[in-house]
C-alpha cells in the first residue's frame, strides 16, 4: 500500500526521535522555543536502532558537542538522496516544524550517485543543485539558517595506501552552490578524507562498521560517528554558524559507551 505525501510527512514528524543537547530558547513571533538544528541526510547521519548496532550515524553523536540551548532533530534516513527525501515528503515534514532561529543542516550525495535508480539519482551540476536549492529556500522562507555539508567520505584506499575520494563531482557542485547562494558550507568530505588518510587503511577499520560478520566501508561504529560529529561541530564553529558558547568538548575524548541505540519503532 502506498502512502500519500501528507501521510509520509505526518509519520516523519511523529516517529523521528529528537536528541536533546541542552535546553534554551529563541524568540519567534513573540514566542520562545528551543533552538534546534535539523539534519536532512542519509544513512551516514541517521539515527540507528538496536537491531542495527553497532552501526551509528554521526547525527547520533552531534549532541555531545553542542550546548547552550541547542538540540538536534535528526531527520536523516537510510537510503535517501536529495531527490527521494523531497519526493517522500520528508523535507515538507522538516519545514513544517522548523522555526525562525533554527538551523537546517543538509548532507546528501551517497544515494544521489545511484545513476541506475531514477528515484534517487541526481546529476551533480543540474538536478542535485536544483534539489539542494529547495532545502535552502525552504529554510530561509521560514527564518531558519540553511547549512550545506559535503558528504562524508567512504573508507577507500588505493594500493599505495592513499585515501581515495568516492563522491565524484558532487562535493564540487555543492561547494559551487554554497558560493552562489551565500550558504555556510561544512566541507566534511575534505576533512574526513584527510582523517582517514592520517588513520590509514588498517586504522580506519576501528571507525567503520567492521564486525565479525560485516565489512562496511560506508557506515560508522561509535568511534567513527563521534569522530565525524566532531568534524561537523568544528566546522559549525569555524564557519561562524555557531559561536564558542554553543559548542563543547571539541578537544575532549568522548567514550563510545555514550552512544545508545533505542529499540526499533513498532507499528
Protein backbone atom coordinates (compact mmCIF):
# COMPACT_ATOMS: atom_id res chain seq x y z
CA UNK A 1 0.00 0.00 0.00
CA UNK A 2 1.46 3.37 -0.98
CA UNK A 3 1.25 6.41 1.28
CA UNK A 4 0.35 9.93 0.30
CA UNK A 5 2.88 12.75 0.75
CA UNK A 6 0.76 14.08 3.63
CA UNK A 7 0.84 10.70 5.39
CA UNK A 8 4.60 10.41 4.95
CA UNK A 9 5.14 13.93 6.30
CA UNK A 10 2.95 13.28 9.32
CA UNK A 11 4.68 9.99 10.03
CA UNK A 12 8.11 11.61 9.75
CA UNK A 13 7.25 14.29 12.29
CA UNK A 14 5.81 11.82 14.79
CA UNK A 15 8.34 9.00 14.52
CA UNK A 16 11.78 10.59 14.26
CA UNK A 17 13.41 10.95 17.69
CA UNK A 18 14.89 14.22 18.90
CA UNK A 19 18.29 14.06 20.59
CA UNK A 20 18.48 16.94 23.07
CA UNK A 21 21.85 18.52 23.73
CA UNK A 22 20.72 21.21 26.18
CA UNK A 23 17.71 23.38 26.77
CA UNK A 24 17.29 27.00 25.79
CA UNK A 25 15.11 29.36 23.85
CA UNK A 26 14.94 31.52 20.75
CA UNK A 27 12.27 34.08 20.05
CA UNK A 28 9.93 33.68 17.09
CA UNK A 29 6.83 35.77 16.64
CA UNK A 30 6.69 36.69 20.31
CA UNK A 31 7.00 33.06 21.47
CA UNK A 32 10.02 31.23 22.82
CA UNK A 33 11.17 27.81 21.65
CA UNK A 34 14.38 25.80 21.93
CA UNK A 35 16.85 26.46 19.14
CA UNK A 36 17.02 23.33 17.04
CA UNK A 37 19.49 22.03 14.48
CA UNK A 38 17.63 19.86 11.99
CA UNK A 39 19.55 17.28 9.96
CA UNK A 40 18.35 16.29 6.49
CA UNK A 41 20.50 13.49 5.14
CA UNK A 42 21.19 9.83 4.54
CA UNK A 43 22.28 6.75 6.47
CA UNK A 44 25.72 8.12 7.37
CA UNK A 45 24.00 10.66 9.66
CA UNK A 46 20.80 8.81 10.57
CA UNK A 47 19.53 7.53 13.90
CA UNK A 48 20.19 3.80 14.22
CA UNK A 49 18.28 1.33 16.36
CA UNK A 50 19.23 -1.67 18.46
CA UNK A 51 18.75 -4.10 15.57
CA UNK A 52 21.49 -2.26 13.63
CA UNK A 53 24.04 -1.82 16.45
CA UNK A 54 26.94 -1.11 16.41
CA UNK A 55 26.18 0.89 13.25
CA UNK A 56 25.99 4.56 14.27
CA UNK A 57 25.06 7.72 12.37
CA UNK A 58 27.15 10.80 13.09
CA UNK A 59 23.96 12.71 13.89
CA UNK A 60 23.59 10.50 16.96
CA UNK A 61 26.90 11.85 18.32
CA UNK A 62 26.50 15.51 17.39
CA UNK A 63 24.64 16.48 20.62
CA UNK A 64 27.76 15.57 22.62
CA UNK A 65 29.45 18.62 21.10
CA UNK A 66 26.60 21.16 21.38
CA UNK A 67 25.32 23.19 24.31
CA UNK A 68 23.61 26.46 25.30
CA UNK A 69 20.11 25.97 24.03
CA UNK A 70 20.76 23.73 21.05
CA UNK A 71 19.02 20.47 20.37
CA UNK A 72 19.33 18.15 17.41
CA UNK A 73 16.35 16.90 15.42
CA UNK A 74 17.81 14.14 13.28
CA UNK A 75 15.59 13.57 10.24
CA UNK A 76 18.29 11.78 8.22
CA UNK A 77 17.06 8.42 6.89
CA UNK A 78 18.84 5.41 5.42
CA UNK A 79 18.96 5.24 1.66
CA UNK A 80 17.71 8.72 0.87
CA UNK A 81 19.03 11.14 -1.72
CA UNK A 82 18.33 14.83 -2.06
CA UNK A 83 15.59 13.83 -4.52
CA UNK A 84 13.90 10.98 -2.65
CA UNK A 85 13.92 12.88 0.66
CA UNK A 86 11.86 15.58 -1.06
CA UNK A 87 9.65 13.23 -3.07
CA UNK A 88 8.69 11.27 0.06
CA UNK A 89 7.52 14.43 1.81
CA UNK A 90 10.35 14.42 4.34
CA UNK A 91 11.53 17.93 3.54
CA UNK A 92 7.93 19.11 3.96
CA UNK A 93 7.91 17.49 7.41
CA UNK A 94 11.07 19.34 8.41
CA UNK A 95 9.84 22.65 7.05
CA UNK A 96 6.56 22.18 8.87
CA UNK A 97 8.42 22.02 12.18
CA UNK A 98 11.36 24.38 11.69
CA UNK A 99 11.16 27.85 13.25
CA UNK A 100 12.97 31.19 12.95
CA UNK A 101 16.38 30.93 14.58
CA UNK A 102 16.73 27.22 13.84
CA UNK A 103 19.26 25.58 11.51
CA UNK A 104 18.84 23.10 8.65
CA UNK A 105 21.99 21.05 8.03
CA UNK A 106 21.83 19.33 4.64
CA UNK A 107 24.11 16.40 3.69
CA UNK A 108 23.38 14.29 0.60
CA UNK A 109 25.28 12.58 -2.22
CA UNK A 110 25.80 8.91 -1.30
CA UNK A 111 22.47 7.90 -2.86
CA UNK A 112 22.29 10.72 -5.40
CA UNK A 113 25.15 8.86 -7.10
CA UNK A 114 22.98 5.84 -7.98
CA UNK A 115 22.61 6.53 -11.69
CA UNK A 116 20.78 3.23 -12.22
CA UNK A 117 17.98 4.32 -9.86
CA UNK A 118 15.80 7.19 -11.17
CA UNK A 119 14.01 7.55 -7.83
CA UNK A 120 17.29 8.57 -6.19
CA UNK A 121 19.70 9.75 -8.87
CA UNK A 122 20.56 13.38 -9.41
CA UNK A 123 23.16 14.80 -11.77
CA UNK A 124 25.73 16.88 -9.83
CA UNK A 125 25.60 20.15 -11.76
CA UNK A 126 21.87 20.19 -12.55
CA UNK A 127 19.28 18.24 -10.58
CA UNK A 128 21.48 17.82 -7.46
CA UNK A 129 21.90 21.58 -7.19
CA UNK A 130 18.24 22.13 -8.05
CA UNK A 131 17.08 19.90 -5.19
CA UNK A 132 19.55 21.44 -2.73
CA UNK A 133 18.17 24.88 -3.60
CA UNK A 134 14.75 23.69 -2.41
CA UNK A 135 16.17 22.95 1.03
CA UNK A 136 17.97 26.28 1.16
CA UNK A 137 14.95 28.29 0.01
CA UNK A 138 12.58 26.42 2.30
CA UNK A 139 14.71 27.07 5.38
CA UNK A 140 15.19 30.73 4.54
CA UNK A 141 11.50 31.25 3.89
CA UNK A 142 10.84 30.16 7.48
CA UNK A 143 13.54 32.30 9.06
CA UNK A 144 15.91 29.37 9.61
CA UNK A 145 19.52 29.19 8.50
CA UNK A 146 20.49 26.57 5.90
CA UNK A 147 23.89 24.91 6.18
CA UNK A 148 25.31 22.68 3.44
CA UNK A 149 27.64 19.80 4.34
CA UNK A 150 29.63 17.95 1.70
CA UNK A 151 29.21 14.17 2.05
CA UNK A 152 31.43 12.31 4.48
CA UNK A 153 33.90 10.06 2.70
CA UNK A 154 33.78 6.30 2.49
CA UNK A 155 36.70 4.11 3.55
CA UNK A 156 38.57 3.61 0.28
CA UNK A 157 42.33 3.24 -0.20
CA UNK A 158 44.46 2.60 -3.25
CA UNK A 159 47.30 0.08 -3.47
CA UNK A 160 49.76 2.68 -2.15
CA UNK A 161 47.66 3.29 0.97
CA UNK A 162 46.23 6.65 -0.09
CA UNK A 163 42.67 7.53 0.92
CA UNK A 164 40.67 7.85 -2.30
CA UNK A 165 37.73 10.23 -2.89
CA UNK A 166 34.50 8.44 -3.80
CA UNK A 167 31.92 11.15 -4.46
CA UNK A 168 32.87 12.37 -7.91
CA UNK A 169 31.61 15.83 -8.79
CA UNK A 170 29.02 16.10 -6.00
CA UNK A 171 31.22 17.87 -3.42
CA UNK A 172 32.39 20.41 -6.02
CA UNK A 173 28.80 21.01 -7.11
CA UNK A 174 27.76 21.64 -3.50
CA UNK A 175 30.67 24.00 -2.92
CA UNK A 176 29.73 25.97 -6.02
CA UNK A 177 26.10 26.16 -4.94
CA UNK A 178 27.11 27.36 -1.47
CA UNK A 179 29.07 30.21 -3.06
CA UNK A 180 26.23 31.10 -5.43
CA UNK A 181 23.60 31.13 -2.71
CA UNK A 182 25.73 32.57 0.09
CA UNK A 183 25.20 29.49 2.27
CA UNK A 184 27.54 28.31 5.00
CA UNK A 185 29.46 25.20 3.90
CA UNK A 186 30.86 22.45 6.10
CA UNK A 187 33.48 20.68 3.98
CA UNK A 188 33.13 17.31 5.66
CA UNK A 189 34.30 15.48 2.54
CA UNK A 190 37.75 17.08 2.60
CA UNK A 191 38.12 16.80 6.37
CA UNK A 192 37.01 13.18 6.58
CA UNK A 193 39.26 12.17 3.68
CA UNK A 194 42.21 13.78 5.50
CA UNK A 195 41.25 11.99 8.72
CA UNK A 196 41.07 8.60 7.01
CA UNK A 197 44.46 9.31 5.42
CA UNK A 198 46.00 10.01 8.83
CA UNK A 199 44.48 6.86 10.32
CA UNK A 200 45.47 4.66 7.40
CA UNK A 201 43.84 1.64 5.80
CA UNK A 202 44.12 -0.51 8.93
CA UNK A 203 43.42 2.23 11.47
CA UNK A 204 40.18 3.26 9.81
CA UNK A 205 38.69 -0.19 10.36
CA UNK A 206 38.19 0.83 14.00
CA UNK A 207 35.96 3.72 12.87
CA UNK A 208 33.73 1.95 10.36
CA UNK A 209 31.13 -0.74 10.91
CA UNK A 210 33.52 -3.66 10.69
CA UNK A 211 32.26 -6.60 12.71
CA UNK A 212 32.74 -10.35 12.77
CA UNK A 213 30.07 -10.70 10.09
CA UNK A 214 30.29 -7.41 8.16
CA UNK A 215 32.92 -5.27 6.47
CA UNK A 216 31.11 -1.98 5.92
CA UNK A 217 33.21 0.81 4.43
CA UNK A 218 30.40 3.40 4.36
CA UNK A 219 28.76 3.39 7.78
CA UNK A 220 30.31 4.08 11.16
CA UNK A 221 30.59 2.47 14.54
CA UNK A 222 30.53 4.68 17.70
CA UNK A 223 34.17 5.92 17.42
CA UNK A 224 33.67 6.78 13.76
CA UNK A 225 30.37 8.57 14.33
CA UNK A 226 31.92 10.56 17.18
CA UNK A 227 34.93 11.49 15.04
CA UNK A 228 32.74 12.74 12.18
CA UNK A 229 30.39 14.60 14.53
CA UNK A 230 33.44 16.35 15.98
CA UNK A 231 34.42 17.44 12.45
CA UNK A 232 30.89 18.77 11.90
CA UNK A 233 30.88 20.69 15.19
CA UNK A 234 34.29 22.21 14.47
CA UNK A 235 33.10 23.29 11.03
CA UNK A 236 29.96 24.84 12.51
CA UNK A 237 32.23 26.90 14.74
CA UNK A 238 34.80 27.71 12.05
CA UNK A 239 32.10 28.86 9.66
CA UNK A 240 30.54 31.05 12.36
CA UNK A 241 27.28 29.18 12.14
CA UNK A 242 27.66 28.62 15.87
CA UNK A 243 29.52 30.64 18.48
CA UNK A 244 32.02 29.33 21.02
CA UNK A 245 29.29 29.34 23.65
CA UNK A 246 27.28 26.91 21.51
CA UNK A 247 29.86 24.11 21.40
CA UNK A 248 31.66 21.97 23.95
CA UNK A 249 34.11 19.07 24.27
CA UNK A 250 35.77 19.74 20.90
CA UNK A 251 39.13 18.58 22.28
CA UNK A 252 37.85 16.01 24.76
CA UNK A 253 37.73 12.26 24.40
CA UNK A 254 34.14 11.04 24.04
CA UNK A 255 33.66 7.40 25.07
CA UNK A 256 31.83 5.17 22.65
CA UNK A 257 29.72 3.98 25.57
CA UNK A 258 27.82 7.27 25.40
CA UNK A 259 26.12 6.03 22.24
CA UNK A 260 22.85 4.20 22.75
CA UNK A 261 20.52 2.53 20.29
CA UNK A 262 16.79 2.67 21.07
CA UNK A 263 14.53 -0.24 20.27
CA UNK A 264 13.08 -0.13 16.76
CA UNK A 265 9.75 1.64 16.44
CA UNK A 266 6.80 -0.69 16.19
CA UNK A 267 3.68 -0.11 14.13
